[in-house]
PDB file of all heavy atoms in Angstrom:
ATOM      1  N   LEU A   1      -4.809  45.184   9.468  1.00  0.00           N
ATOM      2  CA  LEU A   1      -5.049  44.357   8.291  1.00  0.00           C
ATOM      3  C   LEU A   1      -4.822  42.893   8.623  1.00  0.00           C
ATOM      4  O   LEU A   1      -3.831  42.539   9.261  1.00  0.00           O
ATOM      5  CB  LEU A   1      -4.115  44.758   7.141  1.00  0.00           C
ATOM      6  CG  LEU A   1      -4.161  46.212   6.696  1.00  0.00           C
ATOM      7  CD1 LEU A   1      -2.908  46.933   7.179  1.00  0.00           C
ATOM      8  CD2 LEU A   1      -4.262  46.326   5.184  1.00  0.00           C
ATOM      9  N   ASP A   2      -5.758  42.044   8.176  1.00  0.00           N
ATOM     10  CA  ASP A   2      -5.548  40.607   8.309  1.00  0.00           C
ATOM     11  C   ASP A   2      -4.361  40.185   7.456  1.00  0.00           C
ATOM     12  O   ASP A   2      -4.128  40.741   6.382  1.00  0.00           O
ATOM     13  CB  ASP A   2      -6.791  39.843   7.847  1.00  0.00           C
ATOM     14  CG  ASP A   2      -7.864  39.824   8.921  1.00  0.00           C
ATOM     15  OD1 ASP A   2      -7.507  39.923  10.096  1.00  0.00           O
ATOM     16  OD2 ASP A   2      -9.049  39.730   8.562  1.00  0.00           O
ATOM     17  N   LYS A   3      -3.628  39.193   7.944  1.00  0.00           N
ATOM     18  CA  LYS A   3      -2.493  38.700   7.163  1.00  0.00           C
ATOM     19  C   LYS A   3      -2.973  37.975   5.919  1.00  0.00           C
ATOM     20  O   LYS A   3      -2.619  38.331   4.795  1.00  0.00           O
ATOM     21  CB  LYS A   3      -1.646  37.753   8.016  1.00  0.00           C
ATOM     22  CG  LYS A   3      -0.417  37.210   7.298  1.00  0.00           C
ATOM     23  CD  LYS A   3       0.048  35.882   7.894  1.00  0.00           C
ATOM     24  CE  LYS A   3      -0.878  34.751   7.502  1.00  0.00           C
ATOM     25  NZ  LYS A   3      -0.419  33.427   7.957  1.00  0.00           N
ATOM     26  N   THR A   4      -3.807  36.949   6.103  1.00  0.00           N
ATOM     27  CA  THR A   4      -4.194  36.071   5.003  1.00  0.00           C
ATOM     28  C   THR A   4      -5.151  36.782   4.058  1.00  0.00           C
ATOM     29  O   THR A   4      -6.193  37.272   4.473  1.00  0.00           O
ATOM     30  CB  THR A   4      -4.859  34.790   5.543  1.00  0.00           C
ATOM     31  OG1 THR A   4      -3.967  34.170   6.466  1.00  0.00           O
ATOM     32  CG2 THR A   4      -5.177  33.836   4.414  1.00  0.00           C
ATOM     33  N   GLY A   5      -4.776  36.835   2.785  1.00  0.00           N
ATOM     34  CA  GLY A   5      -5.629  37.438   1.774  1.00  0.00           C
ATOM     35  C   GLY A   5      -5.428  38.930   1.620  1.00  0.00           C
ATOM     36  O   GLY A   5      -5.851  39.514   0.628  1.00  0.00           O
ATOM     37  N   THR A   6      -4.801  39.562   2.604  1.00  0.00           N
ATOM     38  CA  THR A   6      -4.566  41.000   2.523  1.00  0.00           C
ATOM     39  C   THR A   6      -3.085  41.274   2.290  1.00  0.00           C
ATOM     40  O   THR A   6      -2.698  41.923   1.323  1.00  0.00           O
ATOM     41  CB  THR A   6      -5.020  41.700   3.816  1.00  0.00           C
ATOM     42  OG1 THR A   6      -6.388  41.388   4.061  1.00  0.00           O
ATOM     43  CG2 THR A   6      -4.867  43.201   3.700  1.00  0.00           C
ATOM     44  N   ILE A   7      -2.270  40.756   3.191  1.00  0.00           N
ATOM     45  CA  ILE A   7      -0.824  40.941   3.071  1.00  0.00           C
ATOM     46  C   ILE A   7      -0.201  39.777   2.300  1.00  0.00           C
ATOM     47  O   ILE A   7       0.708  39.971   1.500  1.00  0.00           O
ATOM     48  CB  ILE A   7      -0.197  41.080   4.468  1.00  0.00           C
ATOM     49  CG1 ILE A   7      -0.708  42.377   5.121  1.00  0.00           C
ATOM     50  CG2 ILE A   7       1.322  41.075   4.399  1.00  0.00           C
ATOM     51  CD1 ILE A   7      -0.292  42.540   6.558  1.00  0.00           C
ATOM     52  N   THR A   8      -0.722  38.574   2.536  1.00  0.00           N
ATOM     53  CA  THR A   8      -0.237  37.401   1.803  1.00  0.00           C
ATOM     54  C   THR A   8      -1.289  36.967   0.792  1.00  0.00           C
ATOM     55  O   THR A   8      -2.440  37.396   0.854  1.00  0.00           O
ATOM     56  CB  THR A   8       0.073  36.241   2.765  1.00  0.00           C
ATOM     57  OG1 THR A   8      -1.149  35.818   3.395  1.00  0.00           O
ATOM     58  CG2 THR A   8       1.061  36.671   3.829  1.00  0.00           C
ATOM     59  N   VAL A   9      -0.879  36.095  -0.134  1.00  0.00           N
ATOM     60  CA  VAL A   9      -1.797  35.691  -1.197  1.00  0.00           C
ATOM     61  C   VAL A   9      -2.896  34.761  -0.701  1.00  0.00           C
ATOM     62  O   VAL A   9      -3.851  34.493  -1.422  1.00  0.00           O
ATOM     63  CB  VAL A   9      -1.042  35.004  -2.351  1.00  0.00           C
ATOM     64  CG1 VAL A   9      -0.105  35.951  -3.023  1.00  0.00           C
ATOM     65  CG2 VAL A   9      -0.294  33.769  -1.855  1.00  0.00           C
ATOM     66  N   GLY A  10      -2.789  34.267   0.505  1.00  0.00           N
ATOM     67  CA  GLY A  10      -3.882  33.481   1.071  1.00  0.00           C
ATOM     68  C   GLY A  10      -3.544  32.030   1.328  1.00  0.00           C
ATOM     69  O   GLY A  10      -4.117  31.400   2.197  1.00  0.00           O
ATOM     70  N   ASN A  11      -2.625  31.454   0.576  1.00  0.00           N
ATOM     71  CA  ASN A  11      -2.224  30.062   0.781  1.00  0.00           C
ATOM     72  C   ASN A  11      -0.707  29.968   0.756  1.00  0.00           C
ATOM     73  O   ASN A  11      -0.044  30.645  -0.041  1.00  0.00           O
ATOM     74  CB  ASN A  11      -2.806  29.166  -0.323  1.00  0.00           C
ATOM     75  CG  ASN A  11      -4.310  29.125  -0.299  1.00  0.00           C
ATOM     76  OD1 ASN A  11      -4.913  28.618   0.632  1.00  0.00           O
ATOM     77  ND2 ASN A  11      -4.924  29.679  -1.341  1.00  0.00           N
ATOM     78  N   ARG A  12      -0.168  29.101   1.609  1.00  0.00           N
ATOM     79  CA  ARG A  12       1.279  28.908   1.605  1.00  0.00           C
ATOM     80  C   ARG A  12       1.699  28.158   0.348  1.00  0.00           C
ATOM     81  O   ARG A  12       0.979  27.281  -0.129  1.00  0.00           O
ATOM     82  CB  ARG A  12       1.708  28.163   2.863  1.00  0.00           C
ATOM     83  CG  ARG A  12       1.411  28.976   4.115  1.00  0.00           C
ATOM     84  CD  ARG A  12       2.026  28.408   5.351  1.00  0.00           C
ATOM     85  NE  ARG A  12       1.842  29.329   6.465  1.00  0.00           N
ATOM     86  CZ  ARG A  12       2.451  29.210   7.633  1.00  0.00           C
ATOM     87  NH1 ARG A  12       3.294  28.223   7.846  1.00  0.00           N
ATOM     88  NH2 ARG A  12       2.226  30.081   8.592  1.00  0.00           N
ATOM     89  N   GLN A  13       2.856  28.526  -0.170  1.00  0.00           N
ATOM     90  CA  GLN A  13       3.338  27.920  -1.407  1.00  0.00           C
ATOM     91  C   GLN A  13       4.768  27.419  -1.228  1.00  0.00           C
ATOM     92  O   GLN A  13       5.526  27.930  -0.402  1.00  0.00           O
ATOM     93  CB  GLN A  13       3.294  28.948  -2.549  1.00  0.00           C
ATOM     94  CG  GLN A  13       1.884  29.424  -2.851  1.00  0.00           C
ATOM     95  CD  GLN A  13       1.853  30.375  -4.029  1.00  0.00           C
ATOM     96  OE1 GLN A  13       2.873  30.646  -4.646  1.00  0.00           O
ATOM     97  NE2 GLN A  13       0.677  30.881  -4.340  1.00  0.00           N
ATOM     98  N   ALA A  14       5.109  26.417  -2.032  1.00  0.00           N
ATOM     99  CA  ALA A  14       6.462  25.855  -1.977  1.00  0.00           C
ATOM    100  C   ALA A  14       7.459  26.887  -2.476  1.00  0.00           C
ATOM    101  O   ALA A  14       7.285  27.478  -3.548  1.00  0.00           O
ATOM    102  CB  ALA A  14       6.531  24.591  -2.817  1.00  0.00           C
ATOM    103  N   ALA A  15       8.513  27.110  -1.688  1.00  0.00           N
ATOM    104  CA  ALA A  15       9.513  28.117  -2.045  1.00  0.00           C
ATOM    105  C   ALA A  15      10.851  27.483  -2.431  1.00  0.00           C
ATOM    106  O   ALA A  15      11.558  28.013  -3.285  1.00  0.00           O
ATOM    107  CB  ALA A  15       9.712  29.085  -0.884  1.00  0.00           C
ATOM    108  N   GLU A  16      11.205  26.344  -1.804  1.00  0.00           N
ATOM    109  CA  GLU A  16      12.480  25.697  -2.149  1.00  0.00           C
ATOM    110  C   GLU A  16      12.480  24.258  -1.645  1.00  0.00           C
ATOM    111  O   GLU A  16      11.687  23.874  -0.782  1.00  0.00           O
ATOM    112  CB  GLU A  16      13.662  26.461  -1.539  1.00  0.00           C
ATOM    113  CG  GLU A  16      13.693  26.447  -0.018  1.00  0.00           C
ATOM    114  CD  GLU A  16      14.953  27.074   0.548  1.00  0.00           C
ATOM    115  OE1 GLU A  16      16.004  27.004  -0.129  1.00  0.00           O
ATOM    116  OE2 GLU A  16      14.895  27.611   1.666  1.00  0.00           O
ATOM    117  N   PHE A  17      13.383  23.469  -2.229  1.00  0.00           N
ATOM    118  CA  PHE A  17      13.618  22.093  -1.791  1.00  0.00           C
ATOM    119  C   PHE A  17      14.977  22.047  -1.095  1.00  0.00           C
ATOM    120  O   PHE A  17      15.983  22.524  -1.638  1.00  0.00           O
ATOM    121  CB  PHE A  17      13.615  21.127  -2.982  1.00  0.00           C
ATOM    122  CG  PHE A  17      12.313  21.079  -3.729  1.00  0.00           C
ATOM    123  CD1 PHE A  17      12.247  21.447  -5.066  1.00  0.00           C
ATOM    124  CD2 PHE A  17      11.147  20.664  -3.098  1.00  0.00           C
ATOM    125  CE1 PHE A  17      11.056  21.398  -5.757  1.00  0.00           C
ATOM    126  CE2 PHE A  17       9.941  20.623  -3.777  1.00  0.00           C
ATOM    127  CZ  PHE A  17       9.889  20.989  -5.113  1.00  0.00           C
ATOM    128  N   ARG A  18      15.013  21.464   0.128  1.00  0.00           N
ATOM    129  CA  ARG A  18      16.247  21.402   0.908  1.00  0.00           C
ATOM    130  C   ARG A  18      16.636  19.928   1.107  1.00  0.00           C
ATOM    131  O   ARG A  18      16.140  19.250   2.018  1.00  0.00           O
ATOM    132  CB  ARG A  18      16.034  22.069   2.274  1.00  0.00           C
ATOM    133  CG  ARG A  18      15.625  23.540   2.217  1.00  0.00           C
ATOM    134  CD  ARG A  18      16.829  24.436   1.986  1.00  0.00           C
ATOM    135  NE  ARG A  18      17.759  24.336   3.101  1.00  0.00           N
ATOM    136  CZ  ARG A  18      17.666  25.074   4.219  1.00  0.00           C
ATOM    137  NH1 ARG A  18      16.682  25.944   4.363  1.00  0.00           N
ATOM    138  NH2 ARG A  18      18.571  24.941   5.163  1.00  0.00           N
ATOM    139  N   PRO A  19      17.510  19.372   0.252  1.00  0.00           N
ATOM    140  CA  PRO A  19      17.909  17.962   0.402  1.00  0.00           C
ATOM    141  C   PRO A  19      18.807  17.767   1.625  1.00  0.00           C
ATOM    142  O   PRO A  19      19.449  18.714   2.109  1.00  0.00           O
ATOM    143  CB  PRO A  19      18.675  17.678  -0.888  1.00  0.00           C
ATOM    144  CG  PRO A  19      19.206  19.012  -1.307  1.00  0.00           C
ATOM    145  CD  PRO A  19      18.175  20.027  -0.873  1.00  0.00           C
ATOM    146  N   VAL A  20      18.867  16.524   2.117  1.00  0.00           N
ATOM    147  CA  VAL A  20      19.736  16.193   3.254  1.00  0.00           C
ATOM    148  C   VAL A  20      20.588  14.976   2.891  1.00  0.00           C
ATOM    149  O   VAL A  20      20.272  14.216   1.963  1.00  0.00           O
ATOM    150  CB  VAL A  20      18.916  15.904   4.531  1.00  0.00           C
ATOM    151  CG1 VAL A  20      18.170  17.155   4.992  1.00  0.00           C
ATOM    152  CG2 VAL A  20      17.952  14.742   4.302  1.00  0.00           C
ATOM    153  N   GLY A  21      21.675  14.819   3.616  1.00  0.00           N
ATOM    154  CA  GLY A  21      22.557  13.684   3.380  1.00  0.00           C
ATOM    155  C   GLY A  21      23.186  13.753   2.002  1.00  0.00           C
ATOM    156  O   GLY A  21      23.639  14.805   1.554  1.00  0.00           O
ATOM    157  N   THR A  22      23.175  12.618   1.297  1.00  0.00           N
ATOM    158  CA  THR A  22      23.798  12.548  -0.039  1.00  0.00           C
ATOM    159  C   THR A  22      22.804  12.824  -1.165  1.00  0.00           C
ATOM    160  O   THR A  22      23.158  12.736  -2.345  1.00  0.00           O
ATOM    161  CB  THR A  22      24.408  11.157  -0.236  1.00  0.00           C
ATOM    162  OG1 THR A  22      23.365  10.169  -0.118  1.00  0.00           O
ATOM    163  CG2 THR A  22      25.494  10.883   0.781  1.00  0.00           C
ATOM    164  N   VAL A  23      21.577  13.137  -0.826  1.00  0.00           N
ATOM    165  CA  VAL A  23      20.536  13.399  -1.839  1.00  0.00           C
ATOM    166  C   VAL A  23      20.794  14.753  -2.494  1.00  0.00           C
ATOM    167  O   VAL A  23      21.171  15.719  -1.821  1.00  0.00           O
ATOM    168  CB  VAL A  23      19.133  13.383  -1.183  1.00  0.00           C
ATOM    169  CG1 VAL A  23      18.060  13.705  -2.212  1.00  0.00           C
ATOM    170  CG2 VAL A  23      18.879  12.034  -0.519  1.00  0.00           C
ATOM    171  N   ASP A  24      20.577  14.822  -3.827  1.00  0.00           N
ATOM    172  CA  ASP A  24      20.708  16.127  -4.485  1.00  0.00           C
ATOM    173  C   ASP A  24      19.324  16.731  -4.735  1.00  0.00           C
ATOM    174  O   ASP A  24      18.292  16.066  -4.567  1.00  0.00           O
ATOM    175  CB  ASP A  24      21.501  16.012  -5.789  1.00  0.00           C
ATOM    176  CG  ASP A  24      20.885  15.037  -6.780  1.00  0.00           C
ATOM    177  OD1 ASP A  24      19.693  14.704  -6.635  1.00  0.00           O
ATOM    178  OD2 ASP A  24      21.607  14.600  -7.703  1.00  0.00           O
ATOM    179  N   VAL A  25      19.303  18.000  -5.156  1.00  0.00           N
ATOM    180  CA  VAL A  25      18.034  18.724  -5.301  1.00  0.00           C
ATOM    181  C   VAL A  25      17.120  18.098  -6.353  1.00  0.00           C
ATOM    182  O   VAL A  25      15.922  17.914  -6.103  1.00  0.00           O
ATOM    183  CB  VAL A  25      18.302  20.214  -5.616  1.00  0.00           C
ATOM    184  CG1 VAL A  25      16.985  20.941  -5.899  1.00  0.00           C
ATOM    185  CG2 VAL A  25      19.024  20.886  -4.466  1.00  0.00           C
ATOM    186  N   PRO A  26      17.608  17.735  -7.567  1.00  0.00           N
ATOM    187  CA  PRO A  26      16.702  17.129  -8.555  1.00  0.00           C
ATOM    188  C   PRO A  26      16.029  15.857  -8.046  1.00  0.00           C
ATOM    189  O   PRO A  26      14.863  15.612  -8.347  1.00  0.00           O
ATOM    190  CB  PRO A  26      17.623  16.847  -9.748  1.00  0.00           C
ATOM    191  CG  PRO A  26      18.721  17.852  -9.617  1.00  0.00           C
ATOM    192  CD  PRO A  26      18.955  17.960  -8.135  1.00  0.00           C
ATOM    193  N   GLU A  27      16.768  15.042  -7.285  1.00  0.00           N
ATOM    194  CA  GLU A  27      16.178  13.806  -6.755  1.00  0.00           C
ATOM    195  C   GLU A  27      15.053  14.121  -5.778  1.00  0.00           C
ATOM    196  O   GLU A  27      13.982  13.517  -5.820  1.00  0.00           O
ATOM    197  CB  GLU A  27      17.268  12.969  -6.072  1.00  0.00           C
ATOM    198  CG  GLU A  27      16.760  11.613  -5.576  1.00  0.00           C
ATOM    199  CD  GLU A  27      17.843  10.796  -4.891  1.00  0.00           C
ATOM    200  OE1 GLU A  27      19.012  11.274  -4.827  1.00  0.00           O
ATOM    201  OE2 GLU A  27      17.546   9.695  -4.415  1.00  0.00           O
ATOM    202  N   LEU A  28      15.277  15.107  -4.901  1.00  0.00           N
ATOM    203  CA  LEU A  28      14.238  15.510  -3.953  1.00  0.00           C
ATOM    204  C   LEU A  28      13.049  16.127  -4.689  1.00  0.00           C
ATOM    205  O   LEU A  28      11.885  15.838  -4.372  1.00  0.00           O
ATOM    206  CB  LEU A  28      14.814  16.516  -2.944  1.00  0.00           C
ATOM    207  CG  LEU A  28      13.804  17.188  -2.006  1.00  0.00           C
ATOM    208  CD1 LEU A  28      13.056  16.153  -1.168  1.00  0.00           C
ATOM    209  CD2 LEU A  28      14.506  18.203  -1.095  1.00  0.00           C
ATOM    210  N   ALA A  29      13.324  16.985  -5.686  1.00  0.00           N
ATOM    211  CA  ALA A  29      12.243  17.630  -6.430  1.00  0.00           C
ATOM    212  C   ALA A  29      11.390  16.604  -7.156  1.00  0.00           C
ATOM    213  O   ALA A  29      10.152  16.716  -7.198  1.00  0.00           O
ATOM    214  CB  ALA A  29      12.831  18.645  -7.421  1.00  0.00           C
ATOM    215  N   ASP A  30      12.025  15.575  -7.742  1.00  0.00           N
ATOM    216  CA  ASP A  30      11.286  14.527  -8.450  1.00  0.00           C
ATOM    217  C   ASP A  30      10.357  13.784  -7.496  1.00  0.00           C
ATOM    218  O   ASP A  30       9.181  13.553  -7.799  1.00  0.00           O
ATOM    219  CB  ASP A  30      12.272  13.566  -9.102  1.00  0.00           C
ATOM    220  CG  ASP A  30      11.570  12.425  -9.822  1.00  0.00           C
ATOM    221  OD1 ASP A  30      10.959  12.690 -10.881  1.00  0.00           O
ATOM    222  OD2 ASP A  30      11.607  11.287  -9.309  1.00  0.00           O
ATOM    223  N   ALA A  31      10.859  13.396  -6.328  1.00  0.00           N
ATOM    224  CA  ALA A  31      10.042  12.670  -5.357  1.00  0.00           C
ATOM    225  C   ALA A  31       8.914  13.551  -4.828  1.00  0.00           C
ATOM    226  O   ALA A  31       7.771  13.098  -4.674  1.00  0.00           O
ATOM    227  CB  ALA A  31      10.927  12.183  -4.207  1.00  0.00           C
ATOM    228  N   ALA A  32       9.224  14.808  -4.557  1.00  0.00           N
ATOM    229  CA  ALA A  32       8.207  15.718  -4.039  1.00  0.00           C
ATOM    230  C   ALA A  32       7.098  15.928  -5.060  1.00  0.00           C
ATOM    231  O   ALA A  32       5.906  15.989  -4.717  1.00  0.00           O
ATOM    232  CB  ALA A  32       8.851  17.059  -3.675  1.00  0.00           C
ATOM    233  N   GLN A  33       7.484  16.044  -6.341  1.00  0.00           N
ATOM    234  CA  GLN A  33       6.473  16.223  -7.380  1.00  0.00           C
ATOM    235  C   GLN A  33       5.569  15.000  -7.489  1.00  0.00           C
ATOM    236  O   GLN A  33       4.339  15.127  -7.560  1.00  0.00           O
ATOM    237  CB  GLN A  33       7.145  16.494  -8.721  1.00  0.00           C
ATOM    238  CG  GLN A  33       6.148  16.795  -9.850  1.00  0.00           C
ATOM    239  CD  GLN A  33       6.793  16.798 -11.203  1.00  0.00           C
ATOM    240  OE1 GLN A  33       7.460  15.833 -11.571  1.00  0.00           O
ATOM    241  NE2 GLN A  33       6.613  17.886 -11.958  1.00  0.00           N
ATOM    242  N   LEU A  34       6.165  13.808  -7.486  1.00  0.00           N
ATOM    243  CA  LEU A  34       5.365  12.582  -7.559  1.00  0.00           C
ATOM    244  C   LEU A  34       4.383  12.495  -6.393  1.00  0.00           C
ATOM    245  O   LEU A  34       3.213  12.150  -6.567  1.00  0.00           O
ATOM    246  CB  LEU A  34       6.278  11.359  -7.570  1.00  0.00           C
ATOM    247  CG  LEU A  34       6.984  11.026  -8.885  1.00  0.00           C
ATOM    248  CD1 LEU A  34       8.000   9.913  -8.666  1.00  0.00           C
ATOM    249  CD2 LEU A  34       5.960  10.630  -9.946  1.00  0.00           C
ATOM    250  N   ALA A  35       4.850  12.804  -5.196  1.00  0.00           N
ATOM    251  CA  ALA A  35       4.004  12.700  -4.009  1.00  0.00           C
ATOM    252  C   ALA A  35       2.869  13.720  -4.014  1.00  0.00           C
ATOM    253  O   ALA A  35       1.874  13.543  -3.306  1.00  0.00           O
ATOM    254  CB  ALA A  35       4.852  12.883  -2.756  1.00  0.00           C
ATOM    255  N   SER A  36       3.015  14.788  -4.828  1.00  0.00           N
ATOM    256  CA  SER A  36       2.032  15.883  -4.802  1.00  0.00           C
ATOM    257  C   SER A  36       1.106  15.901  -6.004  1.00  0.00           C
ATOM    258  O   SER A  36       0.235  16.768  -6.086  1.00  0.00           O
ATOM    259  CB  SER A  36       2.764  17.231  -4.713  1.00  0.00           C
ATOM    260  OG  SER A  36       3.623  17.283  -3.592  1.00  0.00           O
ATOM    261  N   LEU A  37       1.268  14.974  -6.955  1.00  0.00           N
ATOM    262  CA  LEU A  37       0.474  15.028  -8.182  1.00  0.00           C
ATOM    263  C   LEU A  37      -1.025  14.956  -7.918  1.00  0.00           C
ATOM    264  O   LEU A  37      -1.819  15.589  -8.609  1.00  0.00           O
ATOM    265  CB  LEU A  37       0.893  13.893  -9.129  1.00  0.00           C
ATOM    266  CG  LEU A  37       2.241  14.070  -9.846  1.00  0.00           C
ATOM    267  CD1 LEU A  37       2.550  12.851 -10.700  1.00  0.00           C
ATOM    268  CD2 LEU A  37       2.240  15.332 -10.701  1.00  0.00           C
ATOM    269  N   ALA A  38      -1.417  14.170  -6.952  1.00  0.00           N
ATOM    270  CA  ALA A  38      -2.845  14.023  -6.659  1.00  0.00           C
ATOM    271  C   ALA A  38      -3.307  14.948  -5.545  1.00  0.00           C
ATOM    272  O   ALA A  38      -4.463  14.890  -5.129  1.00  0.00           O
ATOM    273  CB  ALA A  38      -3.151  12.574  -6.282  1.00  0.00           C
ATOM    274  N   ASP A  39      -2.416  15.810  -5.066  1.00  0.00           N
ATOM    275  CA  ASP A  39      -2.748  16.737  -3.982  1.00  0.00           C
ATOM    276  C   ASP A  39      -3.324  18.011  -4.606  1.00  0.00           C
ATOM    277  O   ASP A  39      -2.594  18.816  -5.182  1.00  0.00           O
ATOM    278  CB  ASP A  39      -1.485  17.054  -3.171  1.00  0.00           C
ATOM    279  CG  ASP A  39      -1.789  17.915  -1.956  1.00  0.00           C
ATOM    280  OD1 ASP A  39      -2.922  18.423  -1.848  1.00  0.00           O
ATOM    281  OD2 ASP A  39      -0.872  18.106  -1.128  1.00  0.00           O
ATOM    282  N   GLU A  40      -4.633  18.186  -4.518  1.00  0.00           N
ATOM    283  CA  GLU A  40      -5.290  19.332  -5.156  1.00  0.00           C
ATOM    284  C   GLU A  40      -5.347  20.565  -4.257  1.00  0.00           C
ATOM    285  O   GLU A  40      -6.001  21.542  -4.603  1.00  0.00           O
ATOM    286  CB  GLU A  40      -6.712  18.950  -5.590  1.00  0.00           C
ATOM    287  CG  GLU A  40      -6.741  18.024  -6.798  1.00  0.00           C
ATOM    288  CD  GLU A  40      -6.029  18.632  -8.006  1.00  0.00           C
ATOM    289  OE1 GLU A  40      -6.227  19.826  -8.286  1.00  0.00           O
ATOM    290  OE2 GLU A  40      -5.252  17.909  -8.653  1.00  0.00           O
ATOM    291  N   THR A  41      -4.672  20.519  -3.115  1.00  0.00           N
ATOM    292  CA  THR A  41      -4.621  21.717  -2.282  1.00  0.00           C
ATOM    293  C   THR A  41      -3.695  22.741  -2.939  1.00  0.00           C
ATOM    294  O   THR A  41      -2.827  22.384  -3.744  1.00  0.00           O
ATOM    295  CB  THR A  41      -4.090  21.390  -0.875  1.00  0.00           C
ATOM    296  OG1 THR A  41      -2.724  20.951  -0.995  1.00  0.00           O
ATOM    297  CG2 THR A  41      -4.931  20.306  -0.213  1.00  0.00           C
ATOM    298  N   PRO A  42      -3.857  24.034  -2.634  1.00  0.00           N
ATOM    299  CA  PRO A  42      -2.939  25.032  -3.204  1.00  0.00           C
ATOM    300  C   PRO A  42      -1.481  24.730  -2.891  1.00  0.00           C
ATOM    301  O   PRO A  42      -0.603  24.947  -3.722  1.00  0.00           O
ATOM    302  CB  PRO A  42      -3.396  26.339  -2.531  1.00  0.00           C
ATOM    303  CG  PRO A  42      -4.834  26.114  -2.199  1.00  0.00           C
ATOM    304  CD  PRO A  42      -4.929  24.659  -1.835  1.00  0.00           C
ATOM    305  N   GLU A  43      -1.219  24.187  -1.688  1.00  0.00           N
ATOM    306  CA  GLU A  43       0.155  23.856  -1.324  1.00  0.00           C
ATOM    307  C   GLU A  43       0.692  22.732  -2.206  1.00  0.00           C
ATOM    308  O   GLU A  43       1.832  22.780  -2.684  1.00  0.00           O
ATOM    309  CB  GLU A  43       0.232  23.453   0.150  1.00  0.00           C
ATOM    310  CG  GLU A  43      -0.052  24.586   1.127  1.00  0.00           C
ATOM    311  CD  GLU A  43      -1.545  24.781   1.384  1.00  0.00           C
ATOM    312  OE1 GLU A  43      -2.366  24.079   0.724  1.00  0.00           O
ATOM    313  OE2 GLU A  43      -1.893  25.633   2.212  1.00  0.00           O
ATOM    314  N   GLY A  44      -0.156  21.695  -2.415  1.00  0.00           N
ATOM    315  CA  GLY A  44       0.274  20.575  -3.240  1.00  0.00           C
ATOM    316  C   GLY A  44       0.538  21.007  -4.675  1.00  0.00           C
ATOM    317  O   GLY A  44       1.540  20.600  -5.287  1.00  0.00           O
ATOM    318  N   ARG A  45      -0.345  21.834  -5.229  1.00  0.00           N
ATOM    319  CA  ARG A  45      -0.140  22.304  -6.605  1.00  0.00           C
ATOM    320  C   ARG A  45       1.126  23.155  -6.713  1.00  0.00           C
ATOM    321  O   ARG A  45       1.812  23.155  -7.736  1.00  0.00           O
ATOM    322  CB  ARG A  45      -1.360  23.101  -7.065  1.00  0.00           C
ATOM    323  CG  ARG A  45      -2.598  22.231  -7.286  1.00  0.00           C
ATOM    324  CD  ARG A  45      -3.652  22.973  -8.076  1.00  0.00           C
ATOM    325  NE  ARG A  45      -4.145  24.138  -7.358  1.00  0.00           N
ATOM    326  CZ  ARG A  45      -5.187  24.131  -6.534  1.00  0.00           C
ATOM    327  NH1 ARG A  45      -5.826  22.978  -6.323  1.00  0.00           N
ATOM    328  NH2 ARG A  45      -5.586  25.219  -5.922  1.00  0.00           N
ATOM    329  N   SER A  46       1.434  23.904  -5.642  1.00  0.00           N
ATOM    330  CA  SER A  46       2.631  24.752  -5.691  1.00  0.00           C
ATOM    331  C   SER A  46       3.912  23.913  -5.685  1.00  0.00           C
ATOM    332  O   SER A  46       4.918  24.316  -6.266  1.00  0.00           O
ATOM    333  CB  SER A  46       2.632  25.734  -4.513  1.00  0.00           C
ATOM    334  OG  SER A  46       2.954  25.094  -3.291  1.00  0.00           O
ATOM    335  N   VAL A  47       3.888  22.741  -5.036  1.00  0.00           N
ATOM    336  CA  VAL A  47       5.054  21.849  -5.052  1.00  0.00           C
ATOM    337  C   VAL A  47       5.302  21.357  -6.474  1.00  0.00           C
ATOM    338  O   VAL A  47       6.441  21.361  -6.973  1.00  0.00           O
ATOM    339  CB  VAL A  47       4.845  20.657  -4.095  1.00  0.00           C
ATOM    340  CG1 VAL A  47       5.966  19.629  -4.273  1.00  0.00           C
ATOM    341  CG2 VAL A  47       4.790  21.138  -2.651  1.00  0.00           C
TER     342      VAL A  47
END
């Protein structure tokens, strides 16, 4: 069986946000969302 479309849904999707340093998760999520608003790829929409 092919992986893509058979075992997986076909496109990679955002699963979690991993902040670094003194940044917290909401701050990272807010920036990631802003950067992805115009990204019409399945990955961008999943972010």
